[in-house]
């Protein structure tokens, strides 16, 4: 049965593209409501609706401190938003960050008009660890008769359901011909230019490899959309110059998501060195594209990996761990090919379209 979904999210993130495209391809309609946009978003499938901020919301935003990534006080007027919701004529609302003002409006509308709700989060809350948060989630699940869905890899519970990231960068069967280690490790990092992304650790690792005579290159794909981003990437370029690795490093800024497939395909190792990373989809895109993945143990989607089997998990505070893993891959072609092959199988078994749709529909019931 065809359904119409309303997504009430802060923005149309890269990790939402596969999910939306799959639902549309399966015969459903999708409206995506957002309060902010980024220049590198992929709007090839749908165009998100950027809500107009009300005068009252502007006043609250100017007076109260708010997280720029979530914009909790950003919202249209309640009358215009209710009109938008009514005209959208949706069956199910998928809501992220439910304490935002606009999300509260949408939930109120759903409660009045008995629309089904799913709550989206990139974290799982355990009752024995975060009781108050668990009670909050459980209460919303009871009030709105809807589950919480999360893309981390975990065993679903009564109201917190695993619905995987959907990655549409899957390598074709014939792509296995890429097996066979290159003499050069072609490293790739995809991250915003902010300190939390810890890009400098990979730069230091590349320097260490180069000093040991290991052939390697590093490409950093980064978003630069704020003065803070610009300041940080300038600092990183100074580090590169100081370490004298300019000839084996390149920065590419604000690459649109539609071009990422070809970039993944031209590299053989992907590294995510971030601190406090809720749930990176780029590691799964790289995995499905045939890259060997090294991910920080502070990345939520590290749950998809078995260390040393289909990828590697490392401490982002330890450059030497990254260097050790890369030296092992460079020196042992059998291990290199085995990890890559297992990674492709992992991606197909855990992030494919049919797995996503199966889990998503189960969460609605």
Foldseek 3Di string as FASTA:
>chain_A
DEFEEEEEAQECDPLCVLVQVLNVVVPYHYAYEHQDYDPQEDCVPHDHDHADFDPVLVVCPVVDDDDPSGSLSGDHDLVVLLVVVVVSPGQEYEYEPCNRPRNVSVVVSCLVVVHAYEYEDLDDDDCVPCVVVVVVQVVVCVSRVAAYEHQFDDDADPRYFHQHRAAPLADDPVLLVPQDDDQEAEEEEEEALDVQQLVVLVLVLVLVCVVVVRHYAYEYEYEDDDPNSVVSVVVVVVVCVVSVPVVRYDYHYSHHPVPVSVVLLVGAAYEGLGAQASADCVQLNSLSSQHAYEYEPNHSNCSLDDDLQQHHYDHSVDSVVVNVVVVVLSVDSVSSSRNSVRSNVSSCVRRHSVSNVVRVVVSRD
